[in-house]
Amino acid sequence: MLLGQGRYWQASVRKGSEAVVLGLLRDGLPEDLQELRDLQIEVPFPRWNGVLKHARSDRKLLGGMLLDYVRNKAAGDQLAGALADDRLYGELRRVVVDTSAALVEEGLLALSPPDVPDS
């Protein structure tokens, strides 16, 4: 099921899966970024809130979090290249937000208030 898509990125969930798959669209990439075309990142649902949080804060924090979910060193290098490109990074942030809304709408992700210590 497609959850979010932009010009370069798409996010989906496979039937029966417990993870969001973020991937670059092969056909949409400019020629200078074609070496990144096989990048896919599988983020488990319980870790998605962290991805959303870091997508709105810092490029390095988001990259560090996503790096935990790439399959191999080559994919890690591709991720670094994708996050270094401002076009890809900006769109990734938008796709993450759109995907979060779709996950909530589909009942795959629940919002909960943060734990607040008793005063």
PDB file of N, CA and C in Angstrom:
ATOM      1  N   MET A   1       0.848  -1.162   0.000  1.00  0.00           N
ATOM      2  CA  MET A   1       0.000   0.000   0.000  1.00  0.00           C
ATOM      3  C   MET A   1       0.905   1.241   0.000  1.00  0.00           C
ATOM      4  N   LEU A   2       0.631   2.125  -0.921  1.00  0.00           N
ATOM      5  CA  LEU A   2       1.375   3.369  -1.025  1.00  0.00           C
ATOM      6  C   LEU A   2       0.886   4.336   0.041  1.00  0.00           C
ATOM      7  N   LEU A   3       1.807   4.876   0.825  1.00  0.00           N
ATOM      8  CA  LEU A   3       1.457   5.793   1.915  1.00  0.00           C
ATOM      9  C   LEU A   3       1.781   7.239   1.594  1.00  0.00           C
ATOM     10  N   GLY A   4       2.836   7.459   0.852  1.00  0.00           N
ATOM     11  CA  GLY A   4       3.256   8.806   0.508  1.00  0.00           C
ATOM     12  C   GLY A   4       4.197   8.758  -0.674  1.00  0.00           C
ATOM     13  N   GLN A   5       4.137   9.785  -1.509  1.00  0.00           N
ATOM     14  CA  GLN A   5       5.016   9.812  -2.667  1.00  0.00           C
ATOM     15  C   GLN A   5       5.267  11.235  -3.105  1.00  0.00           C
ATOM     16  N   GLY A   6       6.481  11.463  -3.536  1.00  0.00           N
ATOM     17  CA  GLY A   6       6.869  12.737  -4.112  1.00  0.00           C
ATOM     18  C   GLY A   6       7.495  12.475  -5.470  1.00  0.00           C
ATOM     19  N   ARG A   7       8.250  13.435  -5.927  1.00  0.00           N
ATOM     20  CA  ARG A   7       8.916  13.291  -7.219  1.00  0.00           C
ATOM     21  C   ARG A   7      10.050  12.264  -7.154  1.00  0.00           C
ATOM     22  N   TYR A   8      10.739  12.199  -6.012  1.00  0.00           N
ATOM     23  CA  TYR A   8      11.891  11.333  -5.877  1.00  0.00           C
ATOM     24  C   TYR A   8      11.686  10.157  -4.912  1.00  0.00           C
ATOM     25  N   TRP A   9      10.898  10.353  -3.868  1.00  0.00           N
ATOM     26  CA  TRP A   9      10.730   9.355  -2.807  1.00  0.00           C
ATOM     27  C   TRP A   9       9.327   8.785  -2.805  1.00  0.00           C
ATOM     28  N   GLN A  10       9.234   7.547  -2.314  1.00  0.00           N
ATOM     29  CA  GLN A  10       7.925   6.988  -2.016  1.00  0.00           C
ATOM     30  C   GLN A  10       8.030   6.170  -0.744  1.00  0.00           C
ATOM     31  N   ALA A  11       6.907   6.064  -0.061  1.00  0.00           N
ATOM     32  CA  ALA A  11       6.829   5.274   1.168  1.00  0.00           C
ATOM     33  C   ALA A  11       5.641   4.335   1.029  1.00  0.00           C
ATOM     34  N   SER A  12       5.866   3.086   1.396  1.00  0.00           N
ATOM     35  CA  SER A  12       4.805   2.092   1.287  1.00  0.00           C
ATOM     36  C   SER A  12       4.948   1.085   2.413  1.00  0.00           C
ATOM     37  N   VAL A  13       3.920   0.272   2.536  1.00  0.00           N
ATOM     38  CA  VAL A  13       3.956  -0.834   3.483  1.00  0.00           C
ATOM     39  C   VAL A  13       3.470  -2.061   2.728  1.00  0.00           C
ATOM     40  N   ARG A  14       4.206  -3.145   2.874  1.00  0.00           N
ATOM     41  CA  ARG A  14       3.816  -4.397   2.230  1.00  0.00           C
ATOM     42  C   ARG A  14       2.773  -5.103   3.077  1.00  0.00           C
ATOM     43  N   LYS A  15       1.882  -5.795   2.439  1.00  0.00           N
ATOM     44  CA  LYS A  15       0.829  -6.519   3.140  1.00  0.00           C
ATOM     45  C   LYS A  15       1.454  -7.484   4.146  1.00  0.00           C
ATOM     46  N   GLY A  16       0.986  -7.409   5.379  1.00  0.00           N
ATOM     47  CA  GLY A  16       1.493  -8.283   6.437  1.00  0.00           C
ATOM     48  C   GLY A  16       2.795  -7.818   7.057  1.00  0.00           C
ATOM     49  N   SER A  17       3.353  -6.727   6.552  1.00  0.00           N
ATOM     50  CA  SER A  17       4.616  -6.216   7.061  1.00  0.00           C
ATOM     51  C   SER A  17       4.375  -5.300   8.248  1.00  0.00           C
ATOM     52  N   GLU A  18       5.366  -5.170   9.065  1.00  0.00           N
ATOM     53  CA  GLU A  18       5.317  -4.274  10.226  1.00  0.00           C
ATOM     54  C   GLU A  18       6.340  -3.159  10.065  1.00  0.00           C
ATOM     55  N   ALA A  19       6.583  -2.747   8.802  1.00  0.00           N
ATOM     56  CA  ALA A  19       7.591  -1.719   8.540  1.00  0.00           C
ATOM     57  C   ALA A  19       7.182  -0.854   7.354  1.00  0.00           C
ATOM     58  N   VAL A  20       7.612   0.389   7.398  1.00  0.00           N
ATOM     59  CA  VAL A  20       7.450   1.315   6.279  1.00  0.00           C
ATOM     60  C   VAL A  20       8.698   1.184   5.419  1.00  0.00           C
ATOM     61  N   VAL A  21       8.507   1.069   4.113  1.00  0.00           N
ATOM     62  CA  VAL A  21       9.628   1.001   3.182  1.00  0.00           C
ATOM     63  C   VAL A  21       9.744   2.350   2.486  1.00  0.00           C
ATOM     64  N   LEU A  22      10.838   3.043   2.758  1.00  0.00           N
ATOM     65  CA  LEU A  22      11.161   4.297   2.074  1.00  0.00           C
ATOM     66  C   LEU A  22      12.109   3.961   0.935  1.00  0.00           C
ATOM     67  N   GLY A  23      11.807   4.450  -0.244  1.00  0.00           N
ATOM     68  CA  GLY A  23      12.681   4.167  -1.375  1.00  0.00           C
ATOM     69  C   GLY A  23      12.696   5.308  -2.366  1.00  0.00           C
ATOM     70  N   LEU A  24      13.771   5.389  -3.089  1.00  0.00           N
ATOM     71  CA  LEU A  24      13.887   6.391  -4.146  1.00  0.00           C
ATOM     72  C   LEU A  24      13.244   5.844  -5.414  1.00  0.00           C
ATOM     73  N   LEU A  25      12.526   6.703  -6.118  1.00  0.00           N
ATOM     74  CA  LEU A  25      11.910   6.316  -7.380  1.00  0.00           C
ATOM     75  C   LEU A  25      12.967   6.340  -8.471  1.00  0.00           C
ATOM     76  N   ARG A  26      13.144   5.244  -9.140  1.00  0.00           N
ATOM     77  CA  ARG A  26      14.196   5.131 -10.154  1.00  0.00           C
ATOM     78  C   ARG A  26      14.006   6.096 -11.308  1.00  0.00           C
ATOM     79  N   ASP A  27      12.771   6.231 -11.771  1.00  0.00           N
ATOM     80  CA  ASP A  27      12.521   7.046 -12.962  1.00  0.00           C
ATOM     81  C   ASP A  27      12.602   8.540 -12.698  1.00  0.00           C
ATOM     82  N   GLY A  28      12.383   8.968 -11.462  1.00  0.00           N
ATOM     83  CA  GLY A  28      12.343  10.386 -11.170  1.00  0.00           C
ATOM     84  C   GLY A  28      13.684  11.028 -10.888  1.00  0.00           C
ATOM     85  N   LEU A  29      14.698  10.216 -10.653  1.00  0.00           N
ATOM     86  CA  LEU A  29      15.992  10.776 -10.252  1.00  0.00           C
ATOM     87  C   LEU A  29      16.718  11.478 -11.394  1.00  0.00           C
ATOM     88  N   PRO A  30      17.309  12.627 -11.107  1.00  0.00           N
ATOM     89  CA  PRO A  30      18.149  13.279 -12.113  1.00  0.00           C
ATOM     90  C   PRO A  30      19.347  12.374 -12.449  1.00  0.00           C
ATOM     91  N   GLU A  31      19.911  12.594 -13.600  1.00  0.00           N
ATOM     92  CA  GLU A  31      21.008  11.754 -14.071  1.00  0.00           C
ATOM     93  C   GLU A  31      22.191  11.739 -13.105  1.00  0.00           C
ATOM     94  N   ASP A  32      22.471  12.865 -12.450  1.00  0.00           N
ATOM     95  CA  ASP A  32      23.613  12.927 -11.548  1.00  0.00           C
ATOM     96  C   ASP A  32      23.384  12.155 -10.248  1.00  0.00           C
ATOM     97  N   LEU A  33      22.158  11.680 -10.010  1.00  0.00           N
ATOM     98  CA  LEU A  33      21.855  10.925  -8.786  1.00  0.00           C
ATOM     99  C   LEU A  33      21.429   9.487  -9.069  1.00  0.00           C
ATOM    100  N   GLN A  34      21.629   9.026 -10.279  1.00  0.00           N
ATOM    101  CA  GLN A  34      21.197   7.682 -10.659  1.00  0.00           C
ATOM    102  C   GLN A  34      21.856   6.572  -9.833  1.00  0.00           C
ATOM    103  N   GLU A  35      23.031   6.820  -9.285  1.00  0.00           N
ATOM    104  CA  GLU A  35      23.700   5.793  -8.479  1.00  0.00           C
ATOM    105  C   GLU A  35      22.946   5.512  -7.175  1.00  0.00           C
ATOM    106  N   LEU A  36      21.974   6.347  -6.832  1.00  0.00           N
ATOM    107  CA  LEU A  36      21.200   6.172  -5.600  1.00  0.00           C
ATOM    108  C   LEU A  36      19.905   5.393  -5.834  1.00  0.00           C
ATOM    109  N   ARG A  37      19.645   4.982  -7.060  1.00  0.00           N
ATOM    110  CA  ARG A  37      18.331   4.464  -7.451  1.00  0.00           C
ATOM    111  C   ARG A  37      17.884   3.202  -6.729  1.00  0.00           C
ATOM    112  N   ASP A  38      18.791   2.448  -6.130  1.00  0.00           N
ATOM    113  CA  ASP A  38      18.416   1.203  -5.456  1.00  0.00           C
ATOM    114  C   ASP A  38      18.223   1.366  -3.950  1.00  0.00           C
ATOM    115  N   LEU A  39      18.269   2.579  -3.468  1.00  0.00           N
ATOM    116  CA  LEU A  39      18.164   2.809  -2.027  1.00  0.00           C
ATOM    117  C   LEU A  39      16.767   2.489  -1.510  1.00  0.00           C
ATOM    118  N   GLN A  40      16.705   1.607  -0.515  1.00  0.00           N
ATOM    119  CA  GLN A  40      15.467   1.291   0.193  1.00  0.00           C
ATOM    120  C   GLN A  40      15.787   1.158   1.668  1.00  0.00           C
ATOM    121  N   ILE A  41      14.883   1.679   2.479  1.00  0.00           N
ATOM    122  CA  ILE A  41      15.061   1.666   3.934  1.00  0.00           C
ATOM    123  C   ILE A  41      13.774   1.140   4.542  1.00  0.00           C
ATOM    124  N   GLU A  42      13.875   0.100   5.365  1.00  0.00           N
ATOM    125  CA  GLU A  42      12.702  -0.461   6.030  1.00  0.00           C
ATOM    126  C   GLU A  42      12.712  -0.047   7.496  1.00  0.00           C
ATOM    127  N   VAL A  43      11.748   0.795   7.863  1.00  0.00           N
ATOM    128  CA  VAL A  43      11.662   1.305   9.228  1.00  0.00           C
ATOM    129  C   VAL A  43      10.494   0.623   9.936  1.00  0.00           C
ATOM    130  N   PRO A  44      10.754  -0.125  11.013  1.00  0.00           N
ATOM    131  CA  PRO A  44       9.666  -0.773  11.754  1.00  0.00           C
ATOM    132  C   PRO A  44       8.696   0.268  12.323  1.00  0.00           C
ATOM    133  N   PHE A  45       7.404  -0.086  12.356  1.00  0.00           N
ATOM    134  CA  PHE A  45       6.385   0.838  12.872  1.00  0.00           C
ATOM    135  C   PHE A  45       6.747   1.430  14.241  1.00  0.00           C
ATOM    136  N   PRO A  46       7.232   0.613  15.191  1.00  0.00           N
ATOM    137  CA  PRO A  46       7.524   1.197  16.509  1.00  0.00           C
ATOM    138  C   PRO A  46       8.615   2.278  16.484  1.00  0.00           C
ATOM    139  N   ARG A  47       9.417   2.324  15.444  1.00  0.00           N
ATOM    140  CA  ARG A  47      10.501   3.315  15.354  1.00  0.00           C
ATOM    141  C   ARG A  47      10.133   4.515  14.485  1.00  0.00           C
ATOM    142  N   TRP A  48       8.941   4.495  13.886  1.00  0.00           N
ATOM    143  CA  TRP A  48       8.565   5.548  12.953  1.00  0.00           C
ATOM    144  C   TRP A  48       8.457   6.909  13.619  1.00  0.00           C
ATOM    145  N   ASN A  49       7.983   6.967  14.851  1.00  0.00           N
ATOM    146  CA  ASN A  49       7.862   8.262  15.530  1.00  0.00           C
ATOM    147  C   ASN A  49       9.204   8.976  15.615  1.00  0.00           C
ATOM    148  N   GLY A  50      10.273   8.229  15.822  1.00  0.00           N
ATOM    149  CA  GLY A  50      11.609   8.829  15.863  1.00  0.00           C
ATOM    150  C   GLY A  50      12.009   9.399  14.514  1.00  0.00           C
ATOM    151  N   VAL A  51      11.649   8.707  13.450  1.00  0.00           N
ATOM    152  CA  VAL A  51      11.946   9.211  12.102  1.00  0.00           C
ATOM    153  C   VAL A  51      11.209  10.529  11.879  1.00  0.00           C
ATOM    154  N   LEU A  52       9.931  10.564  12.254  1.00  0.00           N
ATOM    155  CA  LEU A  52       9.156  11.792  12.105  1.00  0.00           C
ATOM    156  C   LEU A  52       9.766  12.931  12.924  1.00  0.00           C
ATOM    157  N   LYS A  53      10.124  12.637  14.138  1.00  0.00           N
ATOM    158  CA  LYS A  53      10.722  13.659  15.018  1.00  0.00           C
ATOM    159  C   LYS A  53      11.999  14.234  14.408  1.00  0.00           C
ATOM    160  N   HIS A  54      12.882  13.368  13.935  1.00  0.00           N
ATOM    161  CA  HIS A  54      14.158  13.840  13.402  1.00  0.00           C
ATOM    162  C   HIS A  54      14.029  14.443  12.006  1.00  0.00           C
ATOM    163  N   ALA A  55      12.982  14.084  11.281  1.00  0.00           N
ATOM    164  CA  ALA A  55      12.773  14.694   9.967  1.00  0.00           C
ATOM    165  C   ALA A  55      12.509  16.189  10.107  1.00  0.00           C
ATOM    166  N   ARG A  56      11.997  16.596  11.248  1.00  0.00           N
ATOM    167  CA  ARG A  56      11.707  18.004  11.487  1.00  0.00           C
ATOM    168  C   ARG A  56      12.806  18.707  12.278  1.00  0.00           C
ATOM    169  N   SER A  57      13.862  17.982  12.632  1.00  0.00           N
ATOM    170  CA  SER A  57      14.877  18.622  13.457  1.00  0.00           C
ATOM    171  C   SER A  57      16.209  18.781  12.733  1.00  0.00           C
ATOM    172  N   ASP A  58      16.871  17.688  12.410  1.00  0.00           N
ATOM    173  CA  ASP A  58      18.257  17.794  11.954  1.00  0.00           C
ATOM    174  C   ASP A  58      18.578  16.705  10.938  1.00  0.00           C
ATOM    175  N   ARG A  59      19.273  17.091   9.881  1.00  0.00           N
ATOM    176  CA  ARG A  59      19.659  16.158   8.811  1.00  0.00           C
ATOM    177  C   ARG A  59      20.535  15.026   9.344  1.00  0.00           C
ATOM    178  N   LYS A  60      21.485  15.342  10.206  1.00  0.00           N
ATOM    179  CA  LYS A  60      22.396  14.317  10.723  1.00  0.00           C
ATOM    180  C   LYS A  60      21.679  13.337  11.645  1.00  0.00           C
ATOM    181  N   LEU A  61      20.768  13.845  12.472  1.00  0.00           N
ATOM    182  CA  LEU A  61      20.015  12.957  13.356  1.00  0.00           C
ATOM    183  C   LEU A  61      19.114  12.026  12.555  1.00  0.00           C
ATOM    184  N   LEU A  62      18.468  12.558  11.524  1.00  0.00           N
ATOM    185  CA  LEU A  62      17.626  11.731  10.670  1.00  0.00           C
ATOM    186  C   LEU A  62      18.470  10.671   9.965  1.00  0.00           C
ATOM    187  N   GLY A  63      19.612  11.088   9.446  1.00  0.00           N
ATOM    188  CA  GLY A  63      20.501  10.144   8.774  1.00  0.00           C
ATOM    189  C   GLY A  63      20.979   9.042   9.703  1.00  0.00           C
ATOM    190  N   GLY A  64      21.343   9.416  10.924  1.00  0.00           N
ATOM    191  CA  GLY A  64      21.781   8.411  11.901  1.00  0.00           C
ATOM    192  C   GLY A  64      20.692   7.423  12.237  1.00  0.00           C
ATOM    193  N   MET A  65      19.482   7.913  12.365  1.00  0.00           N
ATOM    194  CA  MET A  65      18.361   7.018  12.665  1.00  0.00           C
ATOM    195  C   MET A  65      18.084   6.082  11.488  1.00  0.00           C
ATOM    196  N   LEU A  66      18.035   6.628  10.278  1.00  0.00           N
ATOM    197  CA  LEU A  66      17.751   5.802   9.106  1.00  0.00           C
ATOM    198  C   LEU A  66      18.878   4.821   8.811  1.00  0.00           C
ATOM    199  N   LEU A  67      20.091   5.191   9.163  1.00  0.00           N
ATOM    200  CA  LEU A  67      21.233   4.311   8.924  1.00  0.00           C
ATOM    201  C   LEU A  67      21.073   2.962   9.639  1.00  0.00           C
ATOM    202  N   ASP A  68      20.361   2.966  10.759  1.00  0.00           N
ATOM    203  CA  ASP A  68      20.110   1.716  11.480  1.00  0.00           C
ATOM    204  C   ASP A  68      19.264   0.738  10.674  1.00  0.00           C
ATOM    205  N   TYR A  69      18.565   1.211   9.653  1.00  0.00           N
ATOM    206  CA  TYR A  69      17.615   0.367   8.923  1.00  0.00           C
ATOM    207  C   TYR A  69      18.010   0.086   7.485  1.00  0.00           C
ATOM    208  N   VAL A  70      19.206   0.464   7.076  1.00  0.00           N
ATOM    209  CA  VAL A  70      19.671   0.096   5.740  1.00  0.00           C
ATOM    210  C   VAL A  70      20.285  -1.296   5.807  1.00  0.00           C
ATOM    211  N   ARG A  71      20.311  -1.975   4.698  1.00  0.00           N
ATOM    212  CA  ARG A  71      20.701  -3.387   4.670  1.00  0.00           C
ATOM    213  C   ARG A  71      22.201  -3.637   4.647  1.00  0.00           C
ATOM    214  N   ASN A  72      22.967  -2.718   4.063  1.00  0.00           N
ATOM    215  CA  ASN A  72      24.406  -2.964   3.930  1.00  0.00           C
ATOM    216  C   ASN A  72      25.160  -1.642   3.813  1.00  0.00           C
ATOM    217  N   LYS A  73      26.478  -1.746   3.757  1.00  0.00           N
ATOM    218  CA  LYS A  73      27.309  -0.544   3.693  1.00  0.00           C
ATOM    219  C   LYS A  73      27.044   0.270   2.430  1.00  0.00           C
ATOM    220  N   ALA A  74      26.821  -0.406   1.314  1.00  0.00           N
ATOM    221  CA  ALA A  74      26.552   0.317   0.063  1.00  0.00           C
ATOM    222  C   ALA A  74      25.285   1.153   0.201  1.00  0.00           C
ATOM    223  N   ALA A  75      24.265   0.599   0.836  1.00  0.00           N
ATOM    224  CA  ALA A  75      23.024   1.350   1.050  1.00  0.00           C
ATOM    225  C   ALA A  75      23.271   2.509   2.016  1.00  0.00           C
ATOM    226  N   GLY A  76      24.152   2.322   2.974  1.00  0.00           N
ATOM    227  CA  GLY A  76      24.517   3.412   3.883  1.00  0.00           C
ATOM    228  C   GLY A  76      25.175   4.552   3.146  1.00  0.00           C
ATOM    229  N   ASP A  77      26.041   4.219   2.198  1.00  0.00           N
ATOM    230  CA  ASP A  77      26.679   5.250   1.374  1.00  0.00           C
ATOM    231  C   ASP A  77      25.652   5.964   0.498  1.00  0.00           C
ATOM    232  N   GLN A  78      24.697   5.204  -0.037  1.00  0.00           N
ATOM    233  CA  GLN A  78      23.634   5.802  -0.844  1.00  0.00           C
ATOM    234  C   GLN A  78      22.783   6.749   0.014  1.00  0.00           C
ATOM    235  N   LEU A  79      22.483   6.324   1.238  1.00  0.00           N
ATOM    236  CA  LEU A  79      21.702   7.164   2.147  1.00  0.00           C
ATOM    237  C   LEU A  79      22.428   8.478   2.409  1.00  0.00           C
ATOM    238  N   ALA A  80      23.725   8.410   2.651  1.00  0.00           N
ATOM    239  CA  ALA A  80      24.502   9.625   2.885  1.00  0.00           C
ATOM    240  C   ALA A  80      24.438  10.547   1.669  1.00  0.00           C
ATOM    241  N   GLY A  81      24.525   9.980   0.478  1.00  0.00           N
ATOM    242  CA  GLY A  81      24.427  10.774  -0.739  1.00  0.00           C
ATOM    243  C   GLY A  81      23.058  11.403  -0.916  1.00  0.00           C
ATOM    244  N   ALA A  82      22.018  10.652  -0.579  1.00  0.00           N
ATOM    245  CA  ALA A  82      20.650  11.170  -0.706  1.00  0.00           C
ATOM    246  C   ALA A  82      20.412  12.310   0.273  1.00  0.00           C
ATOM    247  N   LEU A  83      20.893  12.169   1.493  1.00  0.00           N
ATOM    248  CA  LEU A  83      20.680  13.224   2.490  1.00  0.00           C
ATOM    249  C   LEU A  83      21.551  14.448   2.230  1.00  0.00           C
ATOM    250  N   ALA A  84      22.639  14.277   1.523  1.00  0.00           N
ATOM    251  CA  ALA A  84      23.512  15.402   1.194  1.00  0.00           C
ATOM    252  C   ALA A  84      22.909  16.284   0.095  1.00  0.00           C
ATOM    253  N   ASP A  85      22.023  15.700  -0.723  1.00  0.00           N
ATOM    254  CA  ASP A  85      21.393  16.449  -1.793  1.00  0.00           C
ATOM    255  C   ASP A  85      20.177  17.192  -1.236  1.00  0.00           C
ATOM    256  N   ASP A  86      20.154  18.505  -1.335  1.00  0.00           N
ATOM    257  CA  ASP A  86      19.077  19.307  -0.747  1.00  0.00           C
ATOM    258  C   ASP A  86      17.705  18.975  -1.327  1.00  0.00           C
ATOM    259  N   ARG A  87      17.647  18.689  -2.634  1.00  0.00           N
ATOM    260  CA  ARG A  87      16.353  18.341  -3.245  1.00  0.00           C
ATOM    261  C   ARG A  87      15.799  17.057  -2.642  1.00  0.00           C
ATOM    262  N   LEU A  88      16.644  16.042  -2.537  1.00  0.00           N
ATOM    263  CA  LEU A  88      16.196  14.752  -2.004  1.00  0.00           C
ATOM    264  C   LEU A  88      15.869  14.845  -0.517  1.00  0.00           C
ATOM    265  N   TYR A  89      16.680  15.581   0.212  1.00  0.00           N
ATOM    266  CA  TYR A  89      16.446  15.727   1.651  1.00  0.00           C
ATOM    267  C   TYR A  89      15.136  16.469   1.929  1.00  0.00           C
ATOM    268  N   GLY A  90      14.914  17.559   1.224  1.00  0.00           N
ATOM    269  CA  GLY A  90      13.683  18.330   1.424  1.00  0.00           C
ATOM    270  C   GLY A  90      12.443  17.514   1.115  1.00  0.00           C
ATOM    271  N   GLU A  91      12.493  16.769   0.032  1.00  0.00           N
ATOM    272  CA  GLU A  91      11.333  15.954  -0.308  1.00  0.00           C
ATOM    273  C   GLU A  91      11.155  14.787   0.657  1.00  0.00           C
ATOM    274  N   LEU A  92      12.243  14.203   1.121  1.00  0.00           N
ATOM    275  CA  LEU A  92      12.136  13.123   2.104  1.00  0.00           C
ATOM    276  C   LEU A  92      11.389  13.609   3.339  1.00  0.00           C
ATOM    277  N   ARG A  93      11.702  14.796   3.790  1.00  0.00           N
ATOM    278  CA  ARG A  93      11.010  15.356   4.959  1.00  0.00           C
ATOM    279  C   ARG A  93       9.504  15.453   4.711  1.00  0.00           C
ATOM    280  N   ARG A  94       9.118  15.916   3.532  1.00  0.00           N
ATOM    281  CA  ARG A  94       7.690  16.027   3.209  1.00  0.00           C
ATOM    282  C   ARG A  94       7.029  14.654   3.128  1.00  0.00           C
ATOM    283  N   VAL A  95       7.705  13.688   2.522  1.00  0.00           N
ATOM    284  CA  VAL A  95       7.144  12.342   2.387  1.00  0.00           C
ATOM    285  C   VAL A  95       6.991  11.688   3.757  1.00  0.00           C
ATOM    286  N   VAL A  96       7.929  11.914   4.661  1.00  0.00           N
ATOM    287  CA  VAL A  96       7.825  11.364   6.016  1.00  0.00           C
ATOM    288  C   VAL A  96       6.593  11.917   6.732  1.00  0.00           C
ATOM    289  N   VAL A  97       6.338  13.202   6.601  1.00  0.00           N
ATOM    290  CA  VAL A  97       5.159  13.810   7.238  1.00  0.00           C
ATOM    291  C   VAL A  97       3.878  13.257   6.614  1.00  0.00           C
ATOM    292  N   ASP A  98       3.811  13.199   5.293  1.00  0.00           N
ATOM    293  CA  ASP A  98       2.633  12.656   4.614  1.00  0.00           C
ATOM    294  C   ASP A  98       2.404  11.195   4.982  1.00  0.00           C
ATOM    295  N   THR A  99       3.480  10.440   5.060  1.00  0.00           N
ATOM    296  CA  THR A  99       3.384   9.029   5.413  1.00  0.00           C
ATOM    297  C   THR A  99       2.875   8.859   6.831  1.00  0.00           C
ATOM    298  N   SER A 100       3.321   9.705   7.730  1.00  0.00           N
ATOM    299  CA  SER A 100       2.860   9.638   9.118  1.00  0.00           C
ATOM    300  C   SER A 100       1.352   9.849   9.194  1.00  0.00           C
ATOM    301  N   ALA A 101       0.854  10.820   8.457  1.00  0.00           N
ATOM    302  CA  ALA A 101      -0.592  11.066   8.438  1.00  0.00           C
ATOM    303  C   ALA A 101      -1.338   9.865   7.865  1.00  0.00           C
ATOM    304  N   ALA A 102      -0.813   9.280   6.803  1.00  0.00           N
ATOM    305  CA  ALA A 102      -1.454   8.108   6.198  1.00  0.00           C
ATOM    306  C   ALA A 102      -1.433   6.914   7.153  1.00  0.00           C
ATOM    307  N   LEU A 103      -0.343   6.729   7.886  1.00  0.00           N
ATOM    308  CA  LEU A 103      -0.257   5.633   8.857  1.00  0.00           C
ATOM    309  C   LEU A 103      -1.315   5.783   9.945  1.00  0.00           C
ATOM    310  N   VAL A 104      -1.516   7.000  10.403  1.00  0.00           N
ATOM    311  CA  VAL A 104      -2.535   7.256  11.423  1.00  0.00           C
ATOM    312  C   VAL A 104      -3.926   6.996  10.845  1.00  0.00           C
ATOM    313  N   GLU A 105      -4.182   7.495   9.647  1.00  0.00           N
ATOM    314  CA  GLU A 105      -5.480   7.296   9.005  1.00  0.00           C
ATOM    315  C   GLU A 105      -5.794   5.819   8.787  1.00  0.00           C
ATOM    316  N   GLU A 106      -4.784   5.022   8.465  1.00  0.00           N
ATOM    317  CA  GLU A 106      -4.972   3.593   8.213  1.00  0.00           C
ATOM    318  C   GLU A 106      -5.014   2.778   9.503  1.00  0.00           C
ATOM    319  N   GLY A 107      -4.778   3.425  10.632  1.00  0.00           N
ATOM    320  CA  GLY A 107      -4.794   2.716  11.905  1.00  0.00           C
ATOM    321  C   GLY A 107      -3.537   1.893  12.164  1.00  0.00           C
ATOM    322  N   LEU A 108      -2.476   2.177  11.422  1.00  0.00           N
ATOM    323  CA  LEU A 108      -1.216   1.447  11.588  1.00  0.00           C
ATOM    324  C   LEU A 108      -0.289   2.108  12.598  1.00  0.00           C
ATOM    325  N   LEU A 109      -0.582   3.344  12.935  1.00  0.00           N
ATOM    326  CA  LEU A 109       0.222   4.105  13.882  1.00  0.00           C
ATOM    327  C   LEU A 109      -0.739   4.906  14.754  1.00  0.00           C
ATOM    328  N   ALA A 110      -0.518   4.853  16.044  1.00  0.00           N
ATOM    329  CA  ALA A 110      -1.384   5.588  16.966  1.00  0.00           C
ATOM    330  C   ALA A 110      -0.609   6.745  17.578  1.00  0.00           C
ATOM    331  N   LEU A 111      -1.292   7.841  17.726  1.00  0.00           N
ATOM    332  CA  LEU A 111      -0.705   8.987  18.405  1.00  0.00           C
ATOM    333  C   LEU A 111      -1.016   8.875  19.885  1.00  0.00           C
ATOM    334  N   SER A 112      -0.040   9.193  20.693  1.00  0.00           N
ATOM    335  CA  SER A 112      -0.272   9.195  22.135  1.00  0.00           C
ATOM    336  C   SER A 112       0.422  10.403  22.729  1.00  0.00           C
ATOM    337  N   PRO A 113      -0.149  10.938  23.783  1.00  0.00           N
ATOM    338  CA  PRO A 113       0.493  12.100  24.414  1.00  0.00           C
ATOM    339  C   PRO A 113       1.810  11.668  25.052  1.00  0.00           C
ATOM    340  N   PRO A 114       2.762  12.574  25.160  1.00  0.00           N
ATOM    341  CA  PRO A 114       4.034  12.243  25.781  1.00  0.00           C
ATOM    342  C   PRO A 114       3.826  11.993  27.284  1.00  0.00           C
ATOM    343  N   ASP A 115       4.710  11.180  27.834  1.00  0.00           N
ATOM    344  CA  ASP A 115       4.654  10.951  29.290  1.00  0.00           C
ATOM    345  C   ASP A 115       5.061  12.235  29.996  1.00  0.00           C
ATOM    346  N   VAL A 116       4.201  12.679  30.884  1.00  0.00           N
ATOM    347  CA  VAL A 116       4.465  13.892  31.647  1.00  0.00           C
ATOM    348  C   VAL A 116       4.581  13.492  33.105  1.00  0.00           C
ATOM    349  N   PRO A 117       5.699  13.791  33.752  1.00  0.00           N
ATOM    350  CA  PRO A 117       5.839  13.424  35.148  1.00  0.00           C
ATOM    351  C   PRO A 117       4.809  14.147  36.028  1.00  0.00           C
ATOM    352  N   ASP A 118       4.362  13.483  37.066  1.00  0.00           N
ATOM    353  CA  ASP A 118       3.410  14.097  37.999  1.00  0.00           C
ATOM    354  C   ASP A 118       4.084  15.252  38.720  1.00  0.00           C
ATOM    355  N   SER A 119       3.349  16.333  38.911  1.00  0.00           N
ATOM    356  CA  SER A 119       3.916  17.496  39.599  1.00  0.00           C
ATOM    357  C   SER A 119       3.553  17.472  41.048  1.00  0.00           C
TER     358      SER A 119
END
